[in-house]
Amino acid sequence: LGADSPRVLQAALQGAWCARRCLEDPAPWSQVLGLYDRLLVVRDDPVVRLNRAVAVAHVVGDNEALAEIASLDAIRLASFPPFQAVRAELCARSGRMAEARAAYEALLALNPSAAERLWLWRKLRAFPG
């Protein structure tokens, strides 16, 4: 396997997280973003782009991450729970509450587990209005 093969880069992503000695250590978001940039070159797919957007949110900002998510095929990803979850959280953090609510409701419609459903209902109840 080459240094920039998808499997090696995915292992490097896991390694970046595992290198933390404890949860109190800073998250390696800049390193994670760099690794996703490299992975995108060899495996450009919606899941890699979505995961990269999470890193962008932490390194650059939520609005920039939302712009990247907006470039994804929302129709195709509508039934993919991580897409709705990331979109909901970023919209909420950006103050786009109507969009966040819609994404959380879309996520609830995907029949999550009982624990996830409870967590989502709590998130929705915390919204103003």
Protein backbone atom coordinates (compact mmCIF):
# COMPACT_ATOMS: atom_id res chain seq x y z
CA LEU A 1 0.00 0.00 0.00
CA GLY A 2 1.25 3.46 -0.89
CA ALA A 3 1.50 6.31 1.60
CA ASP A 4 -1.56 7.98 0.10
CA SER A 5 -3.73 4.93 -0.44
CA PRO A 6 -7.23 5.25 1.04
CA ARG A 7 -6.59 2.54 3.65
CA VAL A 8 -3.34 4.11 4.82
CA LEU A 9 -4.98 7.54 5.08
CA GLN A 10 -7.96 6.09 6.96
CA ALA A 11 -5.55 4.39 9.35
CA ALA A 12 -3.72 7.69 9.78
CA LEU A 13 -7.04 9.36 10.65
CA GLN A 14 -7.70 6.74 13.32
CA GLY A 15 -4.13 7.11 14.51
CA ALA A 16 -4.55 10.86 14.92
CA TRP A 17 -7.48 10.28 17.28
CA CYS A 18 -5.80 7.39 19.09
CA ALA A 19 -2.64 9.43 19.71
CA ARG A 20 -4.53 11.48 22.29
CA ARG A 21 -3.61 10.26 25.75
CA CYS A 22 -6.97 11.29 27.17
CA LEU A 23 -10.15 13.05 26.10
CA GLU A 24 -8.94 16.26 27.72
CA ASP A 25 -6.09 16.46 25.17
CA PRO A 26 -6.93 18.83 22.33
CA ALA A 27 -8.65 17.24 19.36
CA PRO A 28 -6.28 17.02 16.37
CA TRP A 29 -8.66 18.84 14.01
CA SER A 30 -5.96 20.50 11.88
CA GLN A 31 -4.22 17.17 11.37
CA VAL A 32 -7.56 15.49 10.62
CA LEU A 33 -8.42 18.15 8.05
CA GLY A 34 -5.05 17.69 6.35
CA LEU A 35 -5.58 13.93 6.19
CA TYR A 36 -9.08 14.36 4.73
CA ASP A 37 -7.63 16.74 2.14
CA ARG A 38 -5.22 14.00 1.11
CA LEU A 39 -7.94 11.33 1.19
CA LEU A 40 -10.16 13.45 -1.03
CA VAL A 41 -7.50 13.33 -3.75
CA VAL A 42 -7.62 9.53 -3.91
CA ARG A 43 -11.23 8.89 -2.86
CA ASP A 44 -13.57 11.73 -3.64
CA ASP A 45 -16.96 10.60 -2.38
CA PRO A 46 -19.78 12.16 -0.34
CA VAL A 47 -18.81 10.41 2.90
CA VAL A 48 -15.24 11.69 2.74
CA ARG A 49 -16.55 15.18 1.91
CA LEU A 50 -19.03 15.06 4.81
CA ASN A 51 -16.36 13.95 7.27
CA ARG A 52 -14.01 16.61 5.93
CA ALA A 53 -16.74 19.22 6.48
CA VAL A 54 -16.80 18.32 10.18
CA ALA A 55 -13.07 19.01 10.37
CA VAL A 56 -13.56 22.25 8.40
CA ALA A 57 -16.13 23.35 10.98
CA HIS A 58 -13.61 22.93 13.78
CA VAL A 59 -10.63 24.44 11.96
CA VAL A 60 -12.17 27.15 9.76
CA GLY A 61 -15.76 27.62 10.90
CA ASP A 62 -19.32 26.35 10.76
CA ASN A 63 -20.41 28.53 7.84
CA GLU A 64 -17.54 27.29 5.70
CA ALA A 65 -18.45 23.71 6.56
CA LEU A 66 -22.10 24.36 5.68
CA ALA A 67 -20.98 25.73 2.30
CA GLU A 68 -19.13 22.48 1.67
CA ILE A 69 -22.14 20.42 2.71
CA ALA A 70 -24.32 22.50 0.39
CA SER A 71 -22.21 21.25 -2.52
CA LEU A 72 -23.21 17.64 -1.75
CA ASP A 73 -26.21 15.94 -3.33
CA ALA A 74 -28.79 16.51 -0.59
CA ILE A 75 -31.42 14.42 -2.37
CA ARG A 76 -29.11 11.41 -2.60
CA LEU A 77 -27.92 11.83 0.99
CA ALA A 78 -31.34 12.59 2.52
CA SER A 79 -31.63 9.05 3.91
CA PHE A 80 -28.05 8.98 5.22
CA PRO A 81 -28.29 9.74 8.97
CA PRO A 82 -24.78 11.23 9.34
CA PHE A 83 -25.61 13.79 6.62
CA GLN A 84 -28.72 14.95 8.48
CA ALA A 85 -26.93 14.92 11.84
CA VAL A 86 -23.96 16.99 10.64
CA ARG A 87 -26.22 19.40 8.81
CA ALA A 88 -28.49 19.80 11.84
CA GLU A 89 -25.65 20.46 14.25
CA LEU A 90 -23.87 22.93 11.97
CA CYS A 91 -27.09 24.80 11.22
CA ALA A 92 -27.89 25.02 14.93
CA ARG A 93 -24.40 26.27 15.77
CA SER A 94 -24.73 28.87 12.99
CA GLY A 95 -28.07 30.11 14.25
CA ARG A 96 -29.98 28.69 11.29
CA MET A 97 -32.59 27.19 13.57
CA ALA A 98 -35.33 26.48 11.01
CA GLU A 99 -32.85 24.50 8.88
CA ALA A 100 -31.50 22.74 11.96
CA ARG A 101 -35.00 21.79 13.07
CA ALA A 102 -35.80 20.43 9.59
CA ALA A 103 -32.62 18.35 9.59
CA TYR A 104 -33.31 16.95 13.06
CA GLU A 105 -36.87 16.12 11.99
CA ALA A 106 -35.53 14.43 8.85
CA LEU A 107 -33.18 12.44 11.06
CA LEU A 108 -36.08 11.38 13.28
CA ALA A 109 -37.97 10.22 10.18
CA LEU A 110 -35.11 7.80 9.41
CA ASN A 111 -36.22 5.59 12.32
CA PRO A 112 -33.26 5.91 14.70
CA SER A 113 -32.80 3.69 17.74
CA ALA A 114 -34.80 4.49 20.86
CA ALA A 115 -31.82 6.16 22.54
CA GLU A 116 -31.08 8.27 19.46
CA ARG A 117 -34.74 9.20 19.12
CA LEU A 118 -34.86 10.38 22.74
CA TRP A 119 -31.68 12.44 22.27
CA LEU A 120 -33.10 14.00 19.07
CA TRP A 121 -36.40 14.87 20.75
CA ARG A 122 -34.47 16.56 23.54
CA LYS A 123 -32.47 18.54 21.00
CA LEU A 124 -35.66 19.62 19.26
CA ARG A 125 -37.38 20.63 22.51
CA ALA A 126 -34.43 22.86 23.36
CA PHE A 127 -35.02 24.95 20.23
CA PRO A 128 -36.69 28.32 20.68
CA GLY A 129 -40.27 28.57 19.45
